[in-house]
C-alpha atoms as a PDB file:
ATOM      1  CA  UNK A   1       4.056   2.644 -32.072  1.00  0.00           C
ATOM      2  CA  UNK A   2       6.399   4.913 -34.009  1.00  0.00           C
ATOM      3  CA  UNK A   3       6.339   8.491 -32.702  1.00  0.00           C
ATOM      4  CA  UNK A   4       7.182  11.521 -34.767  1.00  0.00           C
ATOM      5  CA  UNK A   5       7.423  13.969 -31.867  1.00  0.00           C
ATOM      6  CA  UNK A   6       6.930  14.203 -28.089  1.00  0.00           C
ATOM      7  CA  UNK A   7       3.684  12.664 -26.904  1.00  0.00           C
ATOM      8  CA  UNK A   8       1.897  12.855 -23.555  1.00  0.00           C
ATOM      9  CA  UNK A   9       1.125   9.608 -21.830  1.00  0.00           C
ATOM     10  CA  UNK A  10       1.508   7.664 -18.600  1.00  0.00           C
ATOM     11  CA  UNK A  11       4.311   5.508 -17.242  1.00  0.00           C
ATOM     12  CA  UNK A  12       2.881   2.623 -15.234  1.00  0.00           C
ATOM     13  CA  UNK A  13       4.789   0.337 -12.894  1.00  0.00           C
ATOM     14  CA  UNK A  14       3.977  -2.566 -10.596  1.00  0.00           C
ATOM     15  CA  UNK A  15       6.147  -2.984  -7.485  1.00  0.00           C
ATOM     16  CA  UNK A  16       6.154  -5.539  -4.679  1.00  0.00           C
ATOM     17  CA  UNK A  17       7.738  -5.264  -1.260  1.00  0.00           C
ATOM     18  CA  UNK A  18       7.652  -7.198   1.969  1.00  0.00           C
ATOM     19  CA  UNK A  19       5.915  -5.579   4.908  1.00  0.00           C
ATOM     20  CA  UNK A  20       7.785  -7.620   7.544  1.00  0.00           C
ATOM     21  CA  UNK A  21      11.321  -6.340   7.690  1.00  0.00           C
ATOM     22  CA  UNK A  22      13.734  -5.160   5.055  1.00  0.00           C
ATOM     23  CA  UNK A  23      14.548  -7.779   2.415  1.00  0.00           C
ATOM     24  CA  UNK A  24      16.147  -5.832  -0.381  1.00  0.00           C
ATOM     25  CA  UNK A  25      13.479  -3.160  -0.722  1.00  0.00           C
ATOM     26  CA  UNK A  26      10.799  -2.914  -3.384  1.00  0.00           C
ATOM     27  CA  UNK A  27      11.071  -4.969  -6.575  1.00  0.00           C
ATOM     28  CA  UNK A  28       9.866  -3.751  -9.953  1.00  0.00           C
ATOM     29  CA  UNK A  29       7.672  -6.492 -11.454  1.00  0.00           C
ATOM     30  CA  UNK A  30       6.275  -4.870 -14.580  1.00  0.00           C
ATOM     31  CA  UNK A  31       6.056  -1.614 -16.481  1.00  0.00           C
ATOM     32  CA  UNK A  32       3.739  -0.340 -19.167  1.00  0.00           C
ATOM     33  CA  UNK A  33       3.638   2.737 -21.370  1.00  0.00           C
ATOM     34  CA  UNK A  34       0.070   3.984 -21.771  1.00  0.00           C
ATOM     35  CA  UNK A  35      -0.986   6.734 -24.123  1.00  0.00           C
ATOM     36  CA  UNK A  36      -4.391   7.444 -22.552  1.00  0.00           C
ATOM     37  CA  UNK A  37      -5.819   7.568 -19.040  1.00  0.00           C
ATOM     38  CA  UNK A  38      -8.114   4.695 -20.012  1.00  0.00           C
ATOM     39  CA  UNK A  39      -5.182   2.486 -20.995  1.00  0.00           C
ATOM     40  CA  UNK A  40      -3.360   3.288 -17.764  1.00  0.00           C
ATOM     41  CA  UNK A  41      -6.183   2.523 -15.350  1.00  0.00           C
ATOM     42  CA  UNK A  42      -7.250  -0.499 -17.436  1.00  0.00           C
ATOM     43  CA  UNK A  43      -3.764  -1.979 -16.982  1.00  0.00           C
ATOM     44  CA  UNK A  44      -4.210  -1.830 -13.196  1.00  0.00           C
ATOM     45  CA  UNK A  45      -7.807  -3.074 -13.380  1.00  0.00           C
ATOM     46  CA  UNK A  46      -6.853  -6.120 -15.456  1.00  0.00           C
ATOM     47  CA  UNK A  47      -4.026  -6.961 -13.059  1.00  0.00           C
ATOM     48  CA  UNK A  48      -6.300  -6.673 -10.013  1.00  0.00           C
ATOM     49  CA  UNK A  49      -9.032  -8.793 -11.591  1.00  0.00           C
ATOM     50  CA  UNK A  50      -6.462 -11.394 -12.600  1.00  0.00           C
ATOM     51  CA  UNK A  51      -4.849 -11.784  -9.184  1.00  0.00           C
ATOM     52  CA  UNK A  52      -7.911 -11.225  -6.962  1.00  0.00           C
ATOM     53  CA  UNK A  53      -8.851 -14.939  -6.739  1.00  0.00           C
ATOM     54  CA  UNK A  54      -5.406 -15.665  -5.243  1.00  0.00           C
ATOM     55  CA  UNK A  55      -5.524 -12.845  -2.684  1.00  0.00           C
ATOM     56  CA  UNK A  56      -6.579 -13.227   0.929  1.00  0.00           C
ATOM     57  CA  UNK A  57     -10.010 -11.848   1.848  1.00  0.00           C
ATOM     58  CA  UNK A  58      -8.793  -8.452   3.018  1.00  0.00           C
ATOM     59  CA  UNK A  59      -6.584  -7.869  -0.037  1.00  0.00           C
ATOM     60  CA  UNK A  60      -9.359  -9.034  -2.351  1.00  0.00           C
ATOM     61  CA  UNK A  61     -11.735  -6.575  -0.691  1.00  0.00           C
ATOM     62  CA  UNK A  62      -9.156  -3.786  -1.218  1.00  0.00           C
ATOM     63  CA  UNK A  63      -8.834  -4.741  -4.884  1.00  0.00           C
ATOM     64  CA  UNK A  64     -12.562  -4.861  -5.552  1.00  0.00           C
ATOM     65  CA  UNK A  65     -13.070  -1.656  -3.553  1.00  0.00           C
ATOM     66  CA  UNK A  66     -10.746   0.145  -5.951  1.00  0.00           C
ATOM     67  CA  UNK A  67     -12.338  -1.489  -8.986  1.00  0.00           C
ATOM     68  CA  UNK A  68     -15.891  -0.510  -7.990  1.00  0.00           C
ATOM     69  CA  UNK A  69     -15.556   2.683  -5.973  1.00  0.00           C
ATOM     70  CA  UNK A  70     -12.175   4.321  -6.462  1.00  0.00           C
ATOM     71  CA  UNK A  71     -11.306   3.588 -10.084  1.00  0.00           C
ATOM     72  CA  UNK A  72     -13.323   6.549 -11.361  1.00  0.00           C
ATOM     73  CA  UNK A  73     -11.395   8.869  -9.015  1.00  0.00           C
ATOM     74  CA  UNK A  74      -8.145   7.484 -10.399  1.00  0.00           C
ATOM     75  CA  UNK A  75      -9.313   8.072 -13.972  1.00  0.00           C
ATOM     76  CA  UNK A  76     -10.306  11.654 -13.164  1.00  0.00           C
ATOM     77  CA  UNK A  77      -6.932  12.329 -11.539  1.00  0.00           C
ATOM     78  CA  UNK A  78      -5.138  10.903 -14.578  1.00  0.00           C
ATOM     79  CA  UNK A  79      -7.159  13.118 -16.898  1.00  0.00           C
ATOM     80  CA  UNK A  80      -5.905  16.070 -14.800  1.00  0.00           C
ATOM     81  CA  UNK A  81      -2.378  14.647 -15.374  1.00  0.00           C
ATOM     82  CA  UNK A  82      -1.922  13.816 -11.679  1.00  0.00           C
ATOM     83  CA  UNK A  83       0.083  10.768 -10.546  1.00  0.00           C
ATOM     84  CA  UNK A  84      -1.849   7.893  -8.957  1.00  0.00           C
ATOM     85  CA  UNK A  85      -1.095   4.887  -6.803  1.00  0.00           C
ATOM     86  CA  UNK A  86      -3.099   1.737  -6.073  1.00  0.00           C
ATOM     87  CA  UNK A  87      -1.945  -0.722  -3.397  1.00  0.00           C
ATOM     88  CA  UNK A  88      -3.153  -3.975  -1.886  1.00  0.00           C
ATOM     89  CA  UNK A  89      -1.484  -5.952   0.883  1.00  0.00           C
ATOM     90  CA  UNK A  90      -1.627  -9.745   0.731  1.00  0.00           C
ATOM     91  CA  UNK A  91      -0.119 -11.596   3.696  1.00  0.00           C
ATOM     92  CA  UNK A  92       3.293  -9.897   4.100  1.00  0.00           C
ATOM     93  CA  UNK A  93       3.521  -8.515   0.566  1.00  0.00           C
ATOM     94  CA  UNK A  94       2.393  -5.081  -0.576  1.00  0.00           C
ATOM     95  CA  UNK A  95       1.670  -4.800  -4.308  1.00  0.00           C
ATOM     96  CA  UNK A  96       1.664  -1.235  -5.625  1.00  0.00           C
ATOM     97  CA  UNK A  97       0.800   0.060  -9.077  1.00  0.00           C
ATOM     98  CA  UNK A  98       1.971   3.575  -9.858  1.00  0.00           C
ATOM     99  CA  UNK A  99       0.848   5.713 -12.780  1.00  0.00           C
ATOM    100  CA  UNK A 100       2.709   8.919 -13.598  1.00  0.00           C
ATOM    101  CA  UNK A 101       2.061  11.426 -16.360  1.00  0.00           C
ATOM    102  CA  UNK A 102       5.041  11.647 -18.707  1.00  0.00           C
ATOM    103  CA  UNK A 103       6.084  12.980 -22.062  1.00  0.00           C
ATOM    104  CA  UNK A 104       7.362  10.200 -24.294  1.00  0.00           C
ATOM    105  CA  UNK A 105      10.218  11.254 -26.541  1.00  0.00           C
ATOM    106  CA  UNK A 106      10.740   9.670 -29.964  1.00  0.00           C
ATOM    107  CA  UNK A 107      14.183   8.252 -29.185  1.00  0.00           C
ATOM    108  CA  UNK A 108      13.762   4.495 -29.446  1.00  0.00           C
ATOM    109  CA  UNK A 109      10.449   2.794 -28.861  1.00  0.00           C
ATOM    110  CA  UNK A 110      10.219  -0.502 -27.005  1.00  0.00           C
ATOM    111  CA  UNK A 111       9.117  -2.401 -30.108  1.00  0.00           C
ATOM    112  CA  UNK A 112      11.916  -1.181 -32.377  1.00  0.00           C
ATOM    113  CA  UNK A 113      13.452  -4.028 -34.359  1.00  0.00           C
ATOM    114  CA  UNK A 114      16.822  -2.318 -34.406  1.00  0.00           C
ATOM    115  CA  UNK A 115      18.085   0.057 -31.752  1.00  0.00           C
ATOM    116  CA  UNK A 116      20.004   3.180 -32.748  1.00  0.00           C
ATOM    117  CA  UNK A 117      23.800   2.897 -32.649  1.00  0.00           C
ATOM    118  CA  UNK A 118      24.062   5.015 -29.483  1.00  0.00           C
ATOM    119  CA  UNK A 119      22.131   2.363 -27.533  1.00  0.00           C
ATOM    120  CA  UNK A 120      25.135   0.035 -27.745  1.00  0.00           C
ATOM    121  CA  UNK A 121      27.428   2.653 -26.155  1.00  0.00           C
ATOM    122  CA  UNK A 122      25.694   2.258 -22.789  1.00  0.00           C
ATOM    123  CA  UNK A 123      27.509  -0.105 -20.429  1.00  0.00           C
ATOM    124  CA  UNK A 124      25.686  -1.090 -17.227  1.00  0.00           C
ATOM    125  CA  UNK A 125      27.689  -0.557 -14.022  1.00  0.00           C
END
């Protein structure tokens, strides 16, 4: 999506971390730029529905509890531009989806076929 000016939206991330001791801290697994509250909470809902068959009973219950009872509260909070978090714990792994309101700037979108010249000046440490 090519933007012409700043645009409100939501930055969504999925993190995992072990709950039994420190093993490198949380790990970012996925990110998503959503332009509506519906897109943001749908991203989490699709992920939860996709993984729920592989979750243990307690984690599956947490996932379906959010899908059926708490999802509407998340959507309302997003419409008020409030950050949200959804977590489930499976065995010794906590999976957390975060959704934060942001303003996307028209610098370089993720689907650009050619990055601007300044992008090549950045050297990772």
